[in-house]
């Protein structure tokens, strides 16, 4: 688990503007499938303010649906597994450059060469312009930690990172899919 805590800051720094990047780590010494029930920890107050209540509920319901589809039973309190959720937002900037090049002409024609008057290679003038576009966006990272509640040991962690969708209708559709992708490697209950 020390490795898990070491790679967390590195993973948070990684990201892509357009696609979801997912990472996970699991304590290989624990059979997660032996657990039958789960509960949610409340949102961390330091990170919970960065997301509205509707999106919080969308994420929680998607997590609950995913875990129940894997054979776990939700308990409001006292589940064998405790699921904790964190969200971080980071402002990012991307640059895109496009160059238009209108070249001159080249060809053979009369002119001076090395051995006197003859034919040689010539060129004309050209011009180019480069346009650089700056785009500001927010990178969101959702971290799902799963603990063995009996000893409060972190046994699984899933991390998903991507650009935040500002269109509310699209976000409403993509948030549950994001959660499913983050939880894809979480083991089924035996």
Protein backbone atom coordinates (compact mmCIF):
# COMPACT_ATOMS: atom_id res chain seq x y z
CA UNK A 1 0.00 0.00 0.00
CA UNK A 2 3.01 2.31 0.38
CA UNK A 3 3.38 2.09 -3.40
CA UNK A 4 -0.25 3.16 -3.76
CA UNK A 5 0.23 6.24 -1.62
CA UNK A 6 3.47 7.08 -3.47
CA UNK A 7 1.96 6.97 -6.95
CA UNK A 8 -1.16 8.97 -6.06
CA UNK A 9 0.44 12.43 -6.48
CA UNK A 10 2.04 11.35 -9.74
CA UNK A 11 -1.23 10.02 -11.14
CA UNK A 12 -3.10 13.18 -10.23
CA UNK A 13 -0.62 15.22 -12.26
CA UNK A 14 -1.20 13.07 -15.33
CA UNK A 15 -4.16 13.83 -17.47
CA UNK A 16 -5.58 14.34 -20.90
CA UNK A 17 -7.77 17.03 -22.31
CA UNK A 18 -10.25 14.80 -24.05
CA UNK A 19 -10.19 11.21 -22.87
CA UNK A 20 -10.65 9.57 -19.51
CA UNK A 21 -7.45 8.16 -18.07
CA UNK A 22 -8.06 5.45 -15.49
CA UNK A 23 -5.65 3.96 -12.99
CA UNK A 24 -6.24 1.52 -10.19
CA UNK A 25 -4.28 -0.30 -7.52
CA UNK A 26 -5.27 -3.15 -5.26
CA UNK A 27 -3.81 -4.87 -2.24
CA UNK A 28 -3.03 -8.28 -3.72
CA UNK A 29 -2.90 -9.88 -0.26
CA UNK A 30 -6.62 -9.38 0.32
CA UNK A 31 -9.46 -11.23 -1.38
CA UNK A 32 -11.85 -8.31 -1.88
CA UNK A 33 -14.54 -10.66 -3.18
CA UNK A 34 -15.00 -12.13 0.31
CA UNK A 35 -16.73 -8.93 1.43
CA UNK A 36 -20.49 -8.70 1.00
CA UNK A 37 -21.56 -5.20 2.11
CA UNK A 38 -20.44 -1.61 1.63
CA UNK A 39 -21.20 1.87 2.95
CA UNK A 40 -20.15 5.33 1.84
CA UNK A 41 -18.00 7.71 3.82
CA UNK A 42 -19.31 11.27 3.64
CA UNK A 43 -17.69 13.59 1.10
CA UNK A 44 -14.51 15.15 2.40
CA UNK A 45 -15.33 18.76 3.28
CA UNK A 46 -12.07 19.97 1.72
CA UNK A 47 -12.99 18.52 -1.67
CA UNK A 48 -16.78 18.33 -1.51
CA UNK A 49 -17.29 22.04 -2.12
CA UNK A 50 -15.85 21.71 -5.65
CA UNK A 51 -18.87 19.79 -6.92
CA UNK A 52 -22.59 20.51 -6.78
CA UNK A 53 -25.02 18.30 -4.86
CA UNK A 54 -26.65 16.92 -8.00
CA UNK A 55 -23.33 15.67 -9.41
CA UNK A 56 -22.39 14.22 -5.99
CA UNK A 57 -25.61 12.20 -5.97
CA UNK A 58 -25.07 11.12 -9.59
CA UNK A 59 -21.62 9.79 -8.69
CA UNK A 60 -22.86 8.06 -5.52
CA UNK A 61 -25.78 6.41 -7.34
CA UNK A 62 -23.48 5.24 -10.15
CA UNK A 63 -21.07 3.77 -7.58
CA UNK A 64 -23.90 2.09 -5.71
CA UNK A 65 -25.35 0.64 -8.94
CA UNK A 66 -21.94 -0.62 -10.05
CA UNK A 67 -21.10 -2.28 -6.73
CA UNK A 68 -24.55 -3.85 -6.45
CA UNK A 69 -24.19 -5.22 -9.99
CA UNK A 70 -20.99 -6.91 -8.76
CA UNK A 71 -22.87 -8.66 -5.93
CA UNK A 72 -22.28 -6.25 -3.00
CA UNK A 73 -25.10 -5.02 -0.79
CA UNK A 74 -25.42 -1.34 0.17
CA UNK A 75 -25.85 -0.49 3.85
CA UNK A 76 -26.38 3.07 4.99
CA UNK A 77 -23.94 2.43 7.87
CA UNK A 78 -21.72 -0.41 8.99
CA UNK A 79 -20.83 -2.10 5.69
CA UNK A 80 -17.75 -4.32 5.63
CA UNK A 81 -16.27 -2.04 2.97
CA UNK A 82 -16.15 1.73 3.28
CA UNK A 83 -16.12 3.66 0.00
CA UNK A 84 -14.61 7.12 0.11
CA UNK A 85 -14.74 9.59 -2.78
CA UNK A 86 -12.54 12.60 -3.48
CA UNK A 87 -12.62 15.05 -6.33
CA UNK A 88 -9.88 17.46 -7.33
CA UNK A 89 -10.10 20.17 -9.96
CA UNK A 90 -7.13 21.76 -11.64
CA UNK A 91 -7.06 24.63 -14.12
CA UNK A 92 -5.17 23.69 -17.27
CA UNK A 93 -4.09 25.45 -20.44
CA UNK A 94 -3.54 23.90 -23.84
CA UNK A 95 -2.05 25.49 -26.92
CA UNK A 96 -2.65 24.65 -30.53
CA UNK A 97 -0.57 26.08 -33.37
CA UNK A 98 -1.49 26.13 -37.02
CA UNK A 99 0.90 27.32 -39.72
CA UNK A 100 -0.20 28.48 -43.17
CA UNK A 101 2.73 28.42 -45.55
CA UNK A 102 2.47 30.02 -48.92
CA UNK A 103 5.76 29.10 -50.49
CA UNK A 104 7.51 30.75 -53.34
CA UNK A 105 8.31 29.06 -56.58
CA UNK A 106 11.33 27.10 -57.63
CA UNK A 107 12.49 26.01 -61.03
CA UNK A 108 15.24 26.04 -63.59
CA UNK A 109 16.09 29.14 -65.50
CA UNK A 110 18.92 31.24 -66.74
CA UNK A 111 21.53 32.49 -64.32
CA UNK A 112 25.13 32.27 -63.38
CA UNK A 113 26.53 28.86 -62.46
CA UNK A 114 29.89 27.58 -61.25
CA UNK A 115 31.32 27.25 -64.75
CA UNK A 116 30.04 30.45 -66.19
CA UNK A 117 26.81 31.31 -67.88
CA UNK A 118 24.28 28.47 -67.99
CA UNK A 119 21.19 27.13 -66.39
CA UNK A 120 20.77 26.93 -62.60
CA UNK A 121 18.20 26.47 -59.86
CA UNK A 122 16.29 29.57 -58.72
CA UNK A 123 13.58 30.43 -56.20
CA UNK A 124 11.04 33.09 -55.44
CA UNK A 125 9.88 34.53 -52.18
CA UNK A 126 7.10 33.08 -50.05
CA UNK A 127 5.48 33.80 -46.75
CA UNK A 128 3.89 31.97 -43.86
CA UNK A 129 1.87 32.75 -40.77
CA UNK A 130 1.35 30.83 -37.57
CA UNK A 131 -1.72 31.17 -35.39
CA UNK A 132 -1.49 30.00 -31.78
CA UNK A 133 -4.72 29.39 -29.89
CA UNK A 134 -4.82 29.16 -26.11
CA UNK A 135 -7.62 27.18 -24.43
CA UNK A 136 -8.30 27.16 -20.70
CA UNK A 137 -10.12 24.18 -19.22
CA UNK A 138 -10.65 22.36 -15.93
CA UNK A 139 -9.18 18.90 -15.38
CA UNK A 140 -11.16 16.81 -12.91
CA UNK A 141 -9.78 13.81 -11.04
CA UNK A 142 -12.17 11.45 -9.25
CA UNK A 143 -10.58 9.17 -6.67
CA UNK A 144 -12.47 6.20 -5.24
CA UNK A 145 -10.87 4.62 -2.16
CA UNK A 146 -12.21 1.37 -0.73
CA UNK A 147 -11.27 0.43 2.85
CA UNK A 148 -11.70 -2.69 4.92
CA UNK A 149 -13.77 -1.08 7.67
CA UNK A 150 -12.68 -3.61 10.32
CA UNK A 151 -9.09 -2.36 10.29
CA UNK A 152 -9.46 0.85 8.22
CA UNK A 153 -6.94 -0.46 5.70
CA UNK A 154 -7.01 0.86 2.13
CA UNK A 155 -7.47 -2.20 -0.10
CA UNK A 156 -8.42 -0.72 -3.49
CA UNK A 157 -8.15 2.61 -5.25
CA UNK A 158 -9.48 3.75 -8.62
CA UNK A 159 -8.60 7.08 -10.21
CA UNK A 160 -10.14 8.68 -13.27
CA UNK A 161 -8.97 11.95 -14.77
CA UNK A 162 -10.36 13.97 -17.67
CA UNK A 163 -11.54 17.38 -18.78
CA UNK A 164 -14.69 18.57 -17.02
CA UNK A 165 -17.77 18.62 -19.26
CA UNK A 166 -19.54 21.98 -18.94
CA UNK A 167 -22.66 20.99 -20.87
CA UNK A 168 -24.97 19.79 -18.08
CA UNK A 169 -26.91 17.34 -20.25
CA UNK A 170 -23.71 15.70 -21.51
CA UNK A 171 -22.24 15.62 -18.01
CA UNK A 172 -25.39 13.95 -16.70
CA UNK A 173 -24.84 11.15 -19.23
CA UNK A 174 -21.05 10.88 -18.96
CA UNK A 175 -20.64 10.90 -15.14
CA UNK A 176 -22.16 7.42 -14.63
CA UNK A 177 -20.09 6.05 -17.54
CA UNK A 178 -16.98 7.58 -15.99
CA UNK A 179 -17.70 5.86 -12.67
CA UNK A 180 -18.24 2.50 -14.41
CA UNK A 181 -14.87 2.84 -16.19
CA UNK A 182 -13.11 3.72 -12.93
CA UNK A 183 -14.68 0.70 -11.19
CA UNK A 184 -14.12 -1.72 -14.11
CA UNK A 185 -11.30 -3.54 -12.30
CA UNK A 186 -13.01 -3.76 -8.93
CA UNK A 187 -13.55 -7.48 -8.16
CA UNK A 188 -17.00 -9.07 -7.98
CA UNK A 189 -18.26 -10.38 -4.65
CA UNK A 190 -17.86 -14.17 -4.34
